Amino acid sequence: MCRSIMTLREPFVEEVTEADIQAAALQYVRKISGFRTPAAHNAEAFHTAVAAVADATRTMLADLVVRPSPNADTPEVRRDKARAARLASGRG
């Protein structure tokens, strides 16, 4: 796939902008269509596809549930690890 499309979900990016979504959608449609800029007779289909991919991207990003990796160093993970250690040692 196109290597210039960046990952747009947490924890890879903190905030996804509309420009990020549009750029990824455009890159995707360019890749699968083979057109950098479509001819006039294909422009409507091309731009409709970019809009559809951008909409699908927005929906997917809004619906994703991102869980921290077990190795992540967040306050919640540190708290859970400390609790697990206390329970394992019988001090729970």
N, C-alpha and C. Protein backbone atom coordinates (compact mmCIF):
# COMPACT_ATOMS: atom_id res chain seq x y z
N MET A 1 0.86 -1.18 0.00
CA MET A 1 0.00 0.00 0.00
C MET A 1 0.89 1.23 0.00
N CYS A 2 0.30 2.37 -0.01
CA CYS A 2 1.03 3.62 -0.11
C CYS A 2 1.72 3.93 1.22
N ARG A 3 3.01 4.01 1.20
CA ARG A 3 3.78 4.22 2.42
C ARG A 3 3.66 5.63 2.97
N SER A 4 3.17 6.56 2.18
CA SER A 4 3.10 7.94 2.67
C SER A 4 1.82 8.22 3.44
N ILE A 5 0.91 7.25 3.52
CA ILE A 5 -0.28 7.43 4.34
C ILE A 5 0.12 7.13 5.78
N MET A 6 -0.05 8.11 6.66
CA MET A 6 0.37 7.92 8.04
C MET A 6 -0.75 7.32 8.87
N THR A 7 -0.37 6.66 9.96
CA THR A 7 -1.35 6.12 10.90
C THR A 7 -2.01 7.28 11.61
N LEU A 8 -3.34 7.25 11.68
CA LEU A 8 -4.07 8.39 12.23
C LEU A 8 -4.74 8.10 13.56
N ARG A 9 -4.43 7.01 14.20
CA ARG A 9 -5.09 6.73 15.48
C ARG A 9 -4.11 6.87 16.63
N GLU A 10 -4.70 7.04 17.82
CA GLU A 10 -3.87 7.05 19.03
C GLU A 10 -3.22 5.68 19.17
N PRO A 11 -2.09 5.53 19.73
CA PRO A 11 -1.22 6.54 20.31
C PRO A 11 -0.24 7.13 19.31
N PHE A 12 -0.44 6.83 18.02
CA PHE A 12 0.49 7.31 17.00
C PHE A 12 0.38 8.82 16.80
N VAL A 13 -0.81 9.35 16.92
CA VAL A 13 -1.03 10.80 16.85
C VAL A 13 -1.99 11.19 17.96
N GLU A 14 -1.75 12.33 18.58
CA GLU A 14 -2.62 12.78 19.66
C GLU A 14 -3.89 13.40 19.12
N GLU A 15 -3.77 14.15 18.05
CA GLU A 15 -4.93 14.83 17.49
C GLU A 15 -4.91 14.69 15.98
N VAL A 16 -6.00 14.21 15.44
CA VAL A 16 -6.12 14.05 14.00
C VAL A 16 -6.87 15.26 13.45
N THR A 17 -6.28 15.93 12.48
CA THR A 17 -6.93 17.10 11.89
C THR A 17 -7.70 16.69 10.64
N GLU A 18 -8.59 17.55 10.21
CA GLU A 18 -9.32 17.33 8.98
C GLU A 18 -8.35 17.25 7.80
N ALA A 19 -7.30 18.05 7.85
CA ALA A 19 -6.29 18.01 6.79
C ALA A 19 -5.60 16.64 6.73
N ASP A 20 -5.35 16.03 7.89
CA ASP A 20 -4.75 14.69 7.93
C ASP A 20 -5.67 13.67 7.26
N ILE A 21 -6.96 13.75 7.58
CA ILE A 21 -7.93 12.82 7.02
C ILE A 21 -8.05 13.00 5.52
N GLN A 22 -8.14 14.25 5.06
CA GLN A 22 -8.25 14.52 3.62
C GLN A 22 -7.01 14.06 2.87
N ALA A 23 -5.84 14.30 3.44
CA ALA A 23 -4.59 13.89 2.78
C ALA A 23 -4.52 12.37 2.66
N ALA A 24 -4.90 11.65 3.71
CA ALA A 24 -4.87 10.19 3.66
C ALA A 24 -5.88 9.67 2.63
N ALA A 25 -7.07 10.25 2.60
CA ALA A 25 -8.09 9.83 1.64
C ALA A 25 -7.62 10.08 0.20
N LEU A 26 -7.03 11.23 -0.02
CA LEU A 26 -6.54 11.56 -1.36
C LEU A 26 -5.44 10.60 -1.78
N GLN A 27 -4.50 10.32 -0.89
CA GLN A 27 -3.41 9.39 -1.20
C GLN A 27 -3.96 8.00 -1.53
N TYR A 28 -4.94 7.56 -0.76
CA TYR A 28 -5.52 6.25 -0.99
C TYR A 28 -6.19 6.17 -2.36
N VAL A 29 -7.01 7.17 -2.67
CA VAL A 29 -7.71 7.16 -3.96
C VAL A 29 -6.72 7.30 -5.12
N ARG A 30 -5.69 8.10 -4.95
CA ARG A 30 -4.66 8.20 -5.99
C ARG A 30 -4.02 6.85 -6.23
N LYS A 31 -3.72 6.14 -5.15
CA LYS A 31 -3.04 4.85 -5.26
C LYS A 31 -3.92 3.83 -5.98
N ILE A 32 -5.17 3.70 -5.55
CA ILE A 32 -6.00 2.65 -6.13
C ILE A 32 -6.51 3.01 -7.52
N SER A 33 -6.62 4.30 -7.84
CA SER A 33 -7.09 4.70 -9.17
C SER A 33 -5.94 4.75 -10.19
N GLY A 34 -4.74 4.98 -9.68
CA GLY A 34 -3.61 5.16 -10.58
C GLY A 34 -3.51 6.56 -11.15
N PHE A 35 -4.37 7.46 -10.70
CA PHE A 35 -4.36 8.85 -11.18
C PHE A 35 -3.82 9.77 -10.09
N ARG A 36 -2.86 10.59 -10.44
CA ARG A 36 -2.46 11.65 -9.51
C ARG A 36 -3.51 12.76 -9.60
N THR A 37 -3.85 13.13 -10.81
CA THR A 37 -4.92 14.08 -11.08
C THR A 37 -5.78 13.46 -12.17
N PRO A 38 -7.07 13.25 -11.92
CA PRO A 38 -7.89 12.59 -12.92
C PRO A 38 -8.21 13.51 -14.09
N ALA A 39 -8.50 12.90 -15.22
CA ALA A 39 -8.98 13.66 -16.39
C ALA A 39 -10.36 14.22 -16.04
N ALA A 40 -10.77 15.22 -16.78
CA ALA A 40 -12.05 15.88 -16.51
C ALA A 40 -13.21 14.90 -16.46
N HIS A 41 -13.21 13.90 -17.34
CA HIS A 41 -14.33 12.96 -17.36
C HIS A 41 -14.32 11.98 -16.18
N ASN A 42 -13.23 11.93 -15.42
CA ASN A 42 -13.15 11.08 -14.23
C ASN A 42 -13.12 11.88 -12.92
N ALA A 43 -13.10 13.20 -13.02
CA ALA A 43 -12.93 14.05 -11.84
C ALA A 43 -14.04 13.85 -10.81
N GLU A 44 -15.28 13.77 -11.25
CA GLU A 44 -16.39 13.63 -10.30
C GLU A 44 -16.28 12.33 -9.52
N ALA A 45 -16.01 11.23 -10.22
CA ALA A 45 -15.87 9.93 -9.54
C ALA A 45 -14.70 9.96 -8.57
N PHE A 46 -13.61 10.57 -8.99
CA PHE A 46 -12.40 10.67 -8.16
C PHE A 46 -12.70 11.44 -6.87
N HIS A 47 -13.29 12.62 -7.00
CA HIS A 47 -13.56 13.46 -5.84
C HIS A 47 -14.64 12.87 -4.94
N THR A 48 -15.60 12.18 -5.53
CA THR A 48 -16.61 11.49 -4.74
C THR A 48 -15.97 10.38 -3.91
N ALA A 49 -15.03 9.67 -4.51
CA ALA A 49 -14.32 8.61 -3.79
C ALA A 49 -13.49 9.18 -2.65
N VAL A 50 -12.81 10.29 -2.88
CA VAL A 50 -12.02 10.93 -1.81
C VAL A 50 -12.94 11.30 -0.65
N ALA A 51 -14.09 11.88 -0.94
CA ALA A 51 -15.03 12.27 0.12
C ALA A 51 -15.54 11.04 0.87
N ALA A 52 -15.84 9.96 0.15
CA ALA A 52 -16.34 8.75 0.79
C ALA A 52 -15.27 8.11 1.69
N VAL A 53 -14.04 8.08 1.23
CA VAL A 53 -12.95 7.53 2.04
C VAL A 53 -12.72 8.40 3.27
N ALA A 54 -12.77 9.71 3.12
CA ALA A 54 -12.61 10.61 4.27
C ALA A 54 -13.74 10.39 5.27
N ASP A 55 -14.97 10.25 4.81
CA ASP A 55 -16.10 9.99 5.71
C ASP A 55 -15.92 8.66 6.45
N ALA A 56 -15.52 7.63 5.72
CA ALA A 56 -15.30 6.33 6.34
C ALA A 56 -14.18 6.40 7.37
N THR A 57 -13.15 7.18 7.07
CA THR A 57 -12.03 7.34 8.00
C THR A 57 -12.49 8.03 9.28
N ARG A 58 -13.26 9.11 9.14
CA ARG A 58 -13.79 9.82 10.32
C ARG A 58 -14.62 8.88 11.19
N THR A 59 -15.49 8.11 10.55
CA THR A 59 -16.35 7.18 11.28
C THR A 59 -15.52 6.13 12.00
N MET A 60 -14.57 5.55 11.30
CA MET A 60 -13.75 4.52 11.91
C MET A 60 -12.96 5.06 13.10
N LEU A 61 -12.33 6.22 12.94
CA LEU A 61 -11.54 6.79 14.03
C LEU A 61 -12.41 7.11 15.23
N ALA A 62 -13.63 7.56 15.00
CA ALA A 62 -14.55 7.88 16.10
C ALA A 62 -15.00 6.61 16.82
N ASP A 63 -15.10 5.50 16.10
CA ASP A 63 -15.62 4.26 16.67
C ASP A 63 -14.55 3.36 17.28
N LEU A 64 -13.29 3.58 16.95
CA LEU A 64 -12.23 2.71 17.47
C LEU A 64 -12.11 2.86 18.98
N VAL A 65 -11.88 1.74 19.65
CA VAL A 65 -11.58 1.73 21.07
C VAL A 65 -10.12 1.34 21.17
N VAL A 66 -9.29 2.26 21.61
CA VAL A 66 -7.86 2.02 21.69
C VAL A 66 -7.50 1.74 23.14
N ARG A 67 -7.00 0.54 23.37
CA ARG A 67 -6.57 0.16 24.71
C ARG A 67 -5.06 0.30 24.80
N PRO A 68 -4.57 0.74 25.95
CA PRO A 68 -3.11 0.85 26.07
C PRO A 68 -2.46 -0.52 26.06
N SER A 69 -1.29 -0.58 25.51
CA SER A 69 -0.54 -1.83 25.51
C SER A 69 -0.18 -2.18 26.95
N PRO A 70 -0.06 -3.48 27.26
CA PRO A 70 0.31 -3.86 28.62
C PRO A 70 1.66 -3.28 29.04
N ASN A 71 2.49 -2.94 28.07
CA ASN A 71 3.80 -2.37 28.38
C ASN A 71 3.79 -0.85 28.41
N ALA A 72 2.63 -0.24 28.14
CA ALA A 72 2.55 1.22 28.12
C ALA A 72 2.81 1.76 29.52
N ASP A 73 3.43 2.90 29.59
CA ASP A 73 3.77 3.50 30.87
C ASP A 73 2.82 4.67 31.14
N THR A 74 1.55 4.33 31.39
CA THR A 74 0.56 5.34 31.72
C THR A 74 0.25 5.24 33.21
N PRO A 75 -0.32 6.27 33.81
CA PRO A 75 -0.67 6.18 35.24
C PRO A 75 -1.60 4.99 35.53
N GLU A 76 -2.53 4.73 34.63
CA GLU A 76 -3.46 3.62 34.84
C GLU A 76 -2.74 2.28 34.82
N VAL A 77 -1.82 2.11 33.88
CA VAL A 77 -1.07 0.86 33.78
C VAL A 77 -0.17 0.69 35.00
N ARG A 78 0.49 1.77 35.42
CA ARG A 78 1.34 1.68 36.62
C ARG A 78 0.51 1.31 37.85
N ARG A 79 -0.68 1.90 37.99
CA ARG A 79 -1.56 1.60 39.11
C ARG A 79 -1.97 0.12 39.07
N ASP A 80 -2.36 -0.36 37.90
CA ASP A 80 -2.79 -1.75 37.78
C ASP A 80 -1.64 -2.72 38.06
N LYS A 81 -0.44 -2.38 37.59
CA LYS A 81 0.72 -3.24 37.86
C LYS A 81 1.05 -3.26 39.34
N ALA A 82 0.96 -2.11 40.01
CA ALA A 82 1.24 -2.04 41.44
C ALA A 82 0.21 -2.86 42.22
N ARG A 83 -1.04 -2.76 41.81
CA ARG A 83 -2.10 -3.53 42.47
C ARG A 83 -1.87 -5.03 42.27
N ALA A 84 -1.52 -5.43 41.06
CA ALA A 84 -1.26 -6.84 40.78
C ALA A 84 -0.08 -7.34 41.62
N ALA A 85 0.95 -6.51 41.76
CA ALA A 85 2.11 -6.90 42.56
C ALA A 85 1.73 -7.05 44.03
N ARG A 86 0.90 -6.13 44.54
CA ARG A 86 0.45 -6.25 45.94
C ARG A 86 -0.36 -7.52 46.14
N LEU A 87 -1.26 -7.82 45.21
CA LEU A 87 -2.07 -9.03 45.33
C LEU A 87 -1.22 -10.27 45.26
N ALA A 88 -0.22 -10.28 44.39
CA ALA A 88 0.66 -11.43 44.24
C ALA A 88 1.49 -11.68 45.49
N SER A 89 1.84 -10.60 46.20
CA SER A 89 2.66 -10.75 47.40
C SER A 89 1.82 -10.98 48.64
N GLY A 90 0.51 -10.99 48.48
CA GLY A 90 -0.37 -11.23 49.63
C GLY A 90 -0.67 -9.99 50.43
N ARG A 91 -0.26 -8.81 49.95
CA ARG A 91 -0.51 -7.56 50.67
C ARG A 91 -1.73 -6.83 50.12
N GLY A 92 -2.47 -7.47 49.22
CA GLY A 92 -3.55 -6.93 48.46
C GLY A 92 -4.57 -6.15 49.09
